[in-house]
Amino acid sequence: MQAPPAPIIIKVTDAPVRGLGLGDVILNAVGLTGALAIAAVVFGLILAAIVIGYRKLQARRITDEAAAQTQPLGLTPPAHR
């Protein structure tokens, strides 16, 4: 009969963890803030295009008869002499 083989022991060590420095934190914050700012600008441009397009379509639908039924509010300042 043979003696049982000696157990093989493997020691697993973790890789050294590098801490986040101030520069890393600032870079991550600016990256997220920049992405949010760009997303807000793109959303605003898309929404503005939709609103302007809708108003232009509404302006084309107004006939002379519909325009005659409107009354100006007189909000324009008087012309300077």
PDB file of N, CA and C in Angstrom:
ATOM      1  N   MET A   1       0.804  -1.161   0.000  1.00  0.00           N
ATOM      2  CA  MET A   1       0.000   0.000   0.000  1.00  0.00           C
ATOM      3  C   MET A   1       0.867   1.251   0.000  1.00  0.00           C
ATOM      4  N   GLN A   2       0.422   2.257  -0.766  1.00  0.00           N
ATOM      5  CA  GLN A   2       1.183   3.498  -0.841  1.00  0.00           C
ATOM      6  C   GLN A   2       0.662   4.502   0.179  1.00  0.00           C
ATOM      7  N   ALA A   3       1.568   5.342   0.628  1.00  0.00           N
ATOM      8  CA  ALA A   3       1.164   6.402   1.552  1.00  0.00           C
ATOM      9  C   ALA A   3       0.461   7.495   0.762  1.00  0.00           C
ATOM     10  N   PRO A   4      -0.566   8.151   1.346  1.00  0.00           N
ATOM     11  CA  PRO A   4      -1.260   9.218   0.611  1.00  0.00           C
ATOM     12  C   PRO A   4      -0.283  10.347   0.296  1.00  0.00           C
ATOM     13  N   PRO A   5      -0.454  10.961  -0.880  1.00  0.00           N
ATOM     14  CA  PRO A   5       0.455  12.047  -1.261  1.00  0.00           C
ATOM     15  C   PRO A   5       0.275  13.248  -0.340  1.00  0.00           C
ATOM     16  N   ALA A   6       1.331  14.006  -0.210  1.00  0.00           N
ATOM     17  CA  ALA A   6       1.282  15.195   0.640  1.00  0.00           C
ATOM     18  C   ALA A   6       0.378  16.238  -0.017  1.00  0.00           C
ATOM     19  N   PRO A   7      -0.444  16.924   0.753  1.00  0.00           N
ATOM     20  CA  PRO A   7      -1.346  17.922   0.164  1.00  0.00           C
ATOM     21  C   PRO A   7      -0.554  19.093  -0.436  1.00  0.00           C
ATOM     22  N   ILE A   8      -1.092  19.619  -1.520  1.00  0.00           N
ATOM     23  CA  ILE A   8      -0.490  20.787  -2.180  1.00  0.00           C
ATOM     24  C   ILE A   8      -1.207  22.026  -1.646  1.00  0.00           C
ATOM     25  N   ILE A   9      -0.468  22.937  -1.098  1.00  0.00           N
ATOM     26  CA  ILE A   9      -1.045  24.155  -0.520  1.00  0.00           C
ATOM     27  C   ILE A   9      -0.667  25.329  -1.427  1.00  0.00           C
ATOM     28  N   ILE A  10      -1.696  26.043  -1.862  1.00  0.00           N
ATOM     29  CA  ILE A  10      -1.496  27.218  -2.718  1.00  0.00           C
ATOM     30  C   ILE A  10      -1.956  28.435  -1.936  1.00  0.00           C
ATOM     31  N   LYS A  11      -1.088  29.402  -1.822  1.00  0.00           N
ATOM     32  CA  LYS A  11      -1.416  30.632  -1.102  1.00  0.00           C
ATOM     33  C   LYS A  11      -1.748  31.713  -2.128  1.00  0.00           C
ATOM     34  N   VAL A  12      -2.995  32.190  -2.111  1.00  0.00           N
ATOM     35  CA  VAL A  12      -3.455  33.212  -3.050  1.00  0.00           C
ATOM     36  C   VAL A  12      -3.333  34.563  -2.363  1.00  0.00           C
ATOM     37  N   THR A  13      -2.598  35.441  -2.989  1.00  0.00           N
ATOM     38  CA  THR A  13      -2.451  36.784  -2.425  1.00  0.00           C
ATOM     39  C   THR A  13      -3.173  37.768  -3.324  1.00  0.00           C
ATOM     40  N   ASP A  14      -3.822  38.738  -2.719  1.00  0.00           N
ATOM     41  CA  ASP A  14      -4.519  39.776  -3.484  1.00  0.00           C
ATOM     42  C   ASP A  14      -3.506  40.751  -4.065  1.00  0.00           C
ATOM     43  N   ALA A  15      -3.878  41.286  -5.226  1.00  0.00           N
ATOM     44  CA  ALA A  15      -3.028  42.305  -5.832  1.00  0.00           C
ATOM     45  C   ALA A  15      -3.090  43.552  -4.963  1.00  0.00           C
ATOM     46  N   PRO A  16      -2.035  44.308  -4.897  1.00  0.00           N
ATOM     47  CA  PRO A  16      -2.072  45.520  -4.083  1.00  0.00           C
ATOM     48  C   PRO A  16      -3.118  46.501  -4.634  1.00  0.00           C
ATOM     49  N   VAL A  17      -3.896  47.052  -3.738  1.00  0.00           N
ATOM     50  CA  VAL A  17      -4.957  47.977  -4.124  1.00  0.00           C
ATOM     51  C   VAL A  17      -4.398  49.390  -4.100  1.00  0.00           C
ATOM     52  N   ARG A  18      -4.545  50.059  -5.235  1.00  0.00           N
ATOM     53  CA  ARG A  18      -4.083  51.439  -5.331  1.00  0.00           C
ATOM     54  C   ARG A  18      -5.227  52.342  -4.914  1.00  0.00           C
ATOM     55  N   GLY A  19      -4.994  53.213  -3.979  1.00  0.00           N
ATOM     56  CA  GLY A  19      -6.026  54.124  -3.502  1.00  0.00           C
ATOM     57  C   GLY A  19      -6.307  55.213  -4.524  1.00  0.00           C
ATOM     58  N   LEU A  20      -7.492  55.756  -4.459  1.00  0.00           N
ATOM     59  CA  LEU A  20      -7.842  56.848  -5.354  1.00  0.00           C
ATOM     60  C   LEU A  20      -7.272  58.142  -4.803  1.00  0.00           C
ATOM     61  N   GLY A  21      -6.563  58.833  -5.640  1.00  0.00           N
ATOM     62  CA  GLY A  21      -6.026  60.125  -5.239  1.00  0.00           C
ATOM     63  C   GLY A  21      -7.007  61.236  -5.564  1.00  0.00           C
ATOM     64  N   LEU A  22      -6.664  62.435  -5.181  1.00  0.00           N
ATOM     65  CA  LEU A  22      -7.525  63.581  -5.433  1.00  0.00           C
ATOM     66  C   LEU A  22      -7.708  63.809  -6.933  1.00  0.00           C
ATOM     67  N   GLY A  23      -6.659  63.595  -7.698  1.00  0.00           N
ATOM     68  CA  GLY A  23      -6.751  63.772  -9.147  1.00  0.00           C
ATOM     69  C   GLY A  23      -7.724  62.785  -9.780  1.00  0.00           C
ATOM     70  N   ASP A  24      -7.726  61.552  -9.312  1.00  0.00           N
ATOM     71  CA  ASP A  24      -8.642  60.545  -9.851  1.00  0.00           C
ATOM     72  C   ASP A  24     -10.094  60.901  -9.535  1.00  0.00           C
ATOM     73  N   VAL A  25     -10.319  61.370  -8.325  1.00  0.00           N
ATOM     74  CA  VAL A  25     -11.676  61.738  -7.927  1.00  0.00           C
ATOM     75  C   VAL A  25     -12.173  62.914  -8.756  1.00  0.00           C
ATOM     76  N   ILE A  26     -11.332  63.917  -8.952  1.00  0.00           N
ATOM     77  CA  ILE A  26     -11.733  65.088  -9.743  1.00  0.00           C
ATOM     78  C   ILE A  26     -11.983  64.706 -11.195  1.00  0.00           C
ATOM     79  N   LEU A  27     -11.126  63.863 -11.748  1.00  0.00           N
ATOM     80  CA  LEU A  27     -11.302  63.431 -13.137  1.00  0.00           C
ATOM     81  C   LEU A  27     -12.607  62.667 -13.306  1.00  0.00           C
ATOM     82  N   ASN A  28     -12.931  61.786 -12.377  1.00  0.00           N
ATOM     83  CA  ASN A  28     -14.185  61.042 -12.457  1.00  0.00           C
ATOM     84  C   ASN A  28     -15.391  61.964 -12.308  1.00  0.00           C
ATOM     85  N   ALA A  29     -15.317  62.937 -11.423  1.00  0.00           N
ATOM     86  CA  ALA A  29     -16.434  63.862 -11.220  1.00  0.00           C
ATOM     87  C   ALA A  29     -16.644  64.738 -12.452  1.00  0.00           C
ATOM     88  N   VAL A  30     -15.567  65.247 -13.026  1.00  0.00           N
ATOM     89  CA  VAL A  30     -15.681  66.085 -14.220  1.00  0.00           C
ATOM     90  C   VAL A  30     -16.199  65.256 -15.395  1.00  0.00           C
ATOM     91  N   GLY A  31     -15.771  64.013 -15.473  1.00  0.00           N
ATOM     92  CA  GLY A  31     -16.248  63.157 -16.555  1.00  0.00           C
ATOM     93  C   GLY A  31     -17.744  62.942 -16.477  1.00  0.00           C
ATOM     94  N   LEU A  32     -18.266  62.665 -15.291  1.00  0.00           N
ATOM     95  CA  LEU A  32     -19.701  62.456 -15.120  1.00  0.00           C
ATOM     96  C   LEU A  32     -20.460  63.757 -15.342  1.00  0.00           C
ATOM     97  N   THR A  33     -19.952  64.844 -14.794  1.00  0.00           N
ATOM     98  CA  THR A  33     -20.612  66.135 -14.958  1.00  0.00           C
ATOM     99  C   THR A  33     -20.613  66.557 -16.424  1.00  0.00           C
ATOM    100  N   GLY A  34     -19.499  66.333 -17.099  1.00  0.00           N
ATOM    101  CA  GLY A  34     -19.435  66.672 -18.519  1.00  0.00           C
ATOM    102  C   GLY A  34     -20.416  65.856 -19.344  1.00  0.00           C
ATOM    103  N   ALA A  35     -20.541  64.580 -19.034  1.00  0.00           N
ATOM    104  CA  ALA A  35     -21.488  63.732 -19.759  1.00  0.00           C
ATOM    105  C   ALA A  35     -22.921  64.190 -19.525  1.00  0.00           C
ATOM    106  N   LEU A  36     -23.230  64.554 -18.293  1.00  0.00           N
ATOM    107  CA  LEU A  36     -24.580  65.046 -18.003  1.00  0.00           C
ATOM    108  C   LEU A  36     -24.848  66.382 -18.688  1.00  0.00           C
ATOM    109  N   ALA A  37     -23.843  67.251 -18.731  1.00  0.00           N
ATOM    110  CA  ALA A  37     -24.015  68.553 -19.380  1.00  0.00           C
ATOM    111  C   ALA A  37     -24.228  68.386 -20.882  1.00  0.00           C
ATOM    112  N   ILE A  38     -23.469  67.516 -21.493  1.00  0.00           N
ATOM    113  CA  ILE A  38     -23.627  67.276 -22.937  1.00  0.00           C
ATOM    114  C   ILE A  38     -24.997  66.671 -23.222  1.00  0.00           C
ATOM    115  N   ALA A  39     -25.435  65.743 -22.386  1.00  0.00           N
ATOM    116  CA  ALA A  39     -26.753  65.142 -22.565  1.00  0.00           C
ATOM    117  C   ALA A  39     -27.851  66.193 -22.433  1.00  0.00           C
ATOM    118  N   ALA A  40     -27.706  67.128 -21.497  1.00  0.00           N
ATOM    119  CA  ALA A  40     -28.707  68.182 -21.318  1.00  0.00           C
ATOM    120  C   ALA A  40     -28.742  69.117 -22.524  1.00  0.00           C
ATOM    121  N   VAL A  41     -27.581  69.451 -23.068  1.00  0.00           N
ATOM    122  CA  VAL A  41     -27.532  70.326 -24.250  1.00  0.00           C
ATOM    123  C   VAL A  41     -28.180  69.639 -25.452  1.00  0.00           C
ATOM    124  N   VAL A  42     -27.867  68.370 -25.658  1.00  0.00           N
ATOM    125  CA  VAL A  42     -28.450  67.634 -26.792  1.00  0.00           C
ATOM    126  C   VAL A  42     -29.969  67.538 -26.629  1.00  0.00           C
ATOM    127  N   PHE A  43     -30.427  67.229 -25.406  1.00  0.00           N
ATOM    128  CA  PHE A  43     -31.867  67.151 -25.162  1.00  0.00           C
ATOM    129  C   PHE A  43     -32.530  68.498 -25.410  1.00  0.00           C
ATOM    130  N   GLY A  44     -31.907  69.586 -24.973  1.00  0.00           N
ATOM    131  CA  GLY A  44     -32.456  70.922 -25.191  1.00  0.00           C
ATOM    132  C   GLY A  44     -32.544  71.282 -26.663  1.00  0.00           C
ATOM    133  N   LEU A  45     -31.514  70.931 -27.431  1.00  0.00           N
ATOM    134  CA  LEU A  45     -31.538  71.210 -28.872  1.00  0.00           C
ATOM    135  C   LEU A  45     -32.635  70.424 -29.574  1.00  0.00           C
ATOM    136  N   ILE A  46     -32.793  69.158 -29.197  1.00  0.00           N
ATOM    137  CA  ILE A  46     -33.840  68.338 -29.811  1.00  0.00           C
ATOM    138  C   ILE A  46     -35.217  68.894 -29.463  1.00  0.00           C
ATOM    139  N   LEU A  47     -35.413  69.248 -28.198  1.00  0.00           N
ATOM    140  CA  LEU A  47     -36.697  69.795 -27.783  1.00  0.00           C
ATOM    141  C   LEU A  47     -36.975  71.138 -28.466  1.00  0.00           C
ATOM    142  N   ALA A  48     -35.957  71.978 -28.600  1.00  0.00           N
ATOM    143  CA  ALA A  48     -36.130  73.271 -29.278  1.00  0.00           C
ATOM    144  C   ALA A  48     -36.511  73.061 -30.739  1.00  0.00           C
ATOM    145  N   ALA A  49     -35.873  72.102 -31.406  1.00  0.00           N
ATOM    146  CA  ALA A  49     -36.201  71.820 -32.808  1.00  0.00           C
ATOM    147  C   ALA A  49     -37.647  71.355 -32.945  1.00  0.00           C
ATOM    148  N   ILE A  50     -38.093  70.542 -31.998  1.00  0.00           N
ATOM    149  CA  ILE A  50     -39.480  70.057 -32.053  1.00  0.00           C
ATOM    150  C   ILE A  50     -40.461  71.205 -31.851  1.00  0.00           C
ATOM    151  N   VAL A  51     -40.196  72.067 -30.867  1.00  0.00           N
ATOM    152  CA  VAL A  51     -41.109  73.184 -30.585  1.00  0.00           C
ATOM    153  C   VAL A  51     -41.126  74.176 -31.739  1.00  0.00           C
ATOM    154  N   ILE A  52     -39.973  74.512 -32.284  1.00  0.00           N
ATOM    155  CA  ILE A  52     -39.914  75.462 -33.402  1.00  0.00           C
ATOM    156  C   ILE A  52     -40.603  74.876 -34.631  1.00  0.00           C
ATOM    157  N   GLY A  53     -40.367  73.606 -34.896  1.00  0.00           N
ATOM    158  CA  GLY A  53     -41.036  72.961 -36.032  1.00  0.00           C
ATOM    159  C   GLY A  53     -42.541  72.941 -35.864  1.00  0.00           C
ATOM    160  N   TYR A  54     -43.019  72.659 -34.666  1.00  0.00           N
ATOM    161  CA  TYR A  54     -44.462  72.641 -34.407  1.00  0.00           C
ATOM    162  C   TYR A  54     -45.064  74.028 -34.620  1.00  0.00           C
ATOM    163  N   ARG A  55     -44.372  75.048 -34.124  1.00  0.00           N
ATOM    164  CA  ARG A  55     -44.904  76.415 -34.287  1.00  0.00           C
ATOM    165  C   ARG A  55     -44.912  76.840 -35.750  1.00  0.00           C
ATOM    166  N   LYS A  56     -43.907  76.418 -36.506  1.00  0.00           N
ATOM    167  CA  LYS A  56     -43.896  76.762 -37.939  1.00  0.00           C
ATOM    168  C   LYS A  56     -45.043  76.073 -38.663  1.00  0.00           C
ATOM    169  N   LEU A  57     -45.314  74.826 -38.294  1.00  0.00           N
ATOM    170  CA  LEU A  57     -46.443  74.128 -38.909  1.00  0.00           C
ATOM    171  C   LEU A  57     -47.764  74.800 -38.550  1.00  0.00           C
ATOM    172  N   GLN A  58     -47.891  75.245 -37.318  1.00  0.00           N
ATOM    173  CA  GLN A  58     -49.109  75.940 -36.901  1.00  0.00           C
ATOM    174  C   GLN A  58     -49.257  77.264 -37.645  1.00  0.00           C
ATOM    175  N   ALA A  59     -48.148  77.963 -37.870  1.00  0.00           N
ATOM    176  CA  ALA A  59     -48.206  79.251 -38.571  1.00  0.00           C
ATOM    177  C   ALA A  59     -48.621  79.068 -40.028  1.00  0.00           C
ATOM    178  N   ARG A  60     -48.242  77.958 -40.642  1.00  0.00           N
ATOM    179  CA  ARG A  60     -48.641  77.704 -42.039  1.00  0.00           C
ATOM    180  C   ARG A  60     -50.125  77.399 -42.162  1.00  0.00           C
ATOM    181  N   ARG A  61     -50.720  76.878 -41.116  1.00  0.00           N
ATOM    182  CA  ARG A  61     -52.132  76.489 -41.165  1.00  0.00           C
ATOM    183  C   ARG A  61     -53.072  77.677 -41.003  1.00  0.00           C
ATOM    184  N   ILE A  62     -52.571  78.823 -40.536  1.00  0.00           N
ATOM    185  CA  ILE A  62     -53.424  79.989 -40.325  1.00  0.00           C
ATOM    186  C   ILE A  62     -53.761  80.610 -41.678  1.00  0.00           C
ATOM    187  N   THR A  63     -55.040  80.730 -41.949  1.00  0.00           N
ATOM    188  CA  THR A  63     -55.491  81.335 -43.215  1.00  0.00           C
ATOM    189  C   THR A  63     -55.708  82.830 -42.994  1.00  0.00           C
ATOM    190  N   ASP A  64     -56.007  83.538 -44.062  1.00  0.00           N
ATOM    191  CA  ASP A  64     -56.280  84.969 -43.948  1.00  0.00           C
ATOM    192  C   ASP A  64     -57.531  85.205 -43.108  1.00  0.00           C
ATOM    193  N   GLU A  65     -58.501  84.316 -43.220  1.00  0.00           N
ATOM    194  CA  GLU A  65     -59.729  84.460 -42.438  1.00  0.00           C
ATOM    195  C   GLU A  65     -59.448  84.276 -40.947  1.00  0.00           C
ATOM    196  N   ALA A  66     -58.597  83.302 -40.600  1.00  0.00           N
ATOM    197  CA  ALA A  66     -58.251  83.085 -39.197  1.00  0.00           C
ATOM    198  C   ALA A  66     -57.405  84.244 -38.677  1.00  0.00           C
ATOM    199  N   ALA A  67     -56.549  84.804 -39.512  1.00  0.00           N
ATOM    200  CA  ALA A  67     -55.709  85.928 -39.091  1.00  0.00           C
ATOM    201  C   ALA A  67     -56.555  87.170 -38.874  1.00  0.00           C
ATOM    202  N   ALA A  68     -57.647  87.313 -39.624  1.00  0.00           N
ATOM    203  CA  ALA A  68     -58.508  88.481 -39.465  1.00  0.00           C
ATOM    204  C   ALA A  68     -59.258  88.428 -38.142  1.00  0.00           C
ATOM    205  N   GLN A  69     -59.429  87.263 -37.564  1.00  0.00           N
ATOM    206  CA  GLN A  69     -60.158  87.129 -36.315  1.00  0.00           C
ATOM    207  C   GLN A  69     -59.273  87.360 -35.088  1.00  0.00           C
ATOM    208  N   THR A  70     -57.992  87.567 -35.299  1.00  0.00           N
ATOM    209  CA  THR A  70     -57.102  87.801 -34.167  1.00  0.00           C
ATOM    210  C   THR A  70     -56.970  89.285 -33.908  1.00  0.00           C
ATOM    211  N   GLN A  71     -56.600  89.619 -32.707  1.00  0.00           N
ATOM    212  CA  GLN A  71     -56.413  91.020 -32.334  1.00  0.00           C
ATOM    213  C   GLN A  71     -55.017  91.161 -31.751  1.00  0.00           C
ATOM    214  N   PRO A  72     -54.219  92.110 -32.230  1.00  0.00           N
ATOM    215  CA  PRO A  72     -52.871  92.281 -31.689  1.00  0.00           C
ATOM    216  C   PRO A  72     -52.938  92.786 -30.248  1.00  0.00           C
ATOM    217  N   LEU A  73     -51.980  92.400 -29.451  1.00  0.00           N
ATOM    218  CA  LEU A  73     -51.942  92.794 -28.041  1.00  0.00           C
ATOM    219  C   LEU A  73     -51.230  94.118 -27.833  1.00  0.00           C
ATOM    220  N   GLY A  74     -50.525  94.603 -28.834  1.00  0.00           N
ATOM    221  CA  GLY A  74     -49.839  95.875 -28.710  1.00  0.00           C
ATOM    222  C   GLY A  74     -48.663  95.820 -27.753  1.00  0.00           C
ATOM    223  N   LEU A  75     -47.940  94.722 -27.758  1.00  0.00           N
ATOM    224  CA  LEU A  75     -46.822  94.551 -26.856  1.00  0.00           C
ATOM    225  C   LEU A  75     -45.510  95.098 -27.408  1.00  0.00           C
ATOM    226  N   THR A  76     -45.521  95.554 -28.648  1.00  0.00           N
ATOM    227  CA  THR A  76     -44.290  96.088 -29.217  1.00  0.00           C
ATOM    228  C   THR A  76     -44.091  97.521 -28.740  1.00  0.00           C
ATOM    229  N   PRO A  77     -42.849  97.840 -28.358  1.00  0.00           N
ATOM    230  CA  PRO A  77     -42.603  99.212 -27.892  1.00  0.00           C
ATOM    231  C   PRO A  77     -42.737 100.192 -29.062  1.00  0.00           C
ATOM    232  N   PRO A  78     -43.097 101.425 -28.771  1.00  0.00           N
ATOM    233  CA  PRO A  78     -43.236 102.412 -29.848  1.00  0.00           C
ATOM    234  C   PRO A  78     -41.888 102.696 -30.485  1.00  0.00           C
ATOM    235  N   ALA A  79     -41.917 103.051 -31.768  1.00  0.00           N
ATOM    236  CA  ALA A  79     -40.685 103.337 -32.501  1.00  0.00           C
ATOM    237  C   ALA A  79     -40.073 104.640 -31.997  1.00  0.00           C
ATOM    238  N   HIS A  80     -38.765 104.672 -31.882  1.00  0.00           N
ATOM    239  CA  HIS A  80     -38.076 105.886 -31.456  1.00  0.00           C
ATOM    240  C   HIS A  80     -37.916 106.834 -32.631  1.00  0.00           C
ATOM    241  N   ARG A  81     -38.051 108.117 -32.351  1.00  0.00           N
ATOM    242  CA  ARG A  81     -37.941 109.087 -33.441  1.00  0.00           C
ATOM    243  C   ARG A  81     -36.597 109.729 -33.455  1.00  0.00           C
TER     244      ARG A  81
END
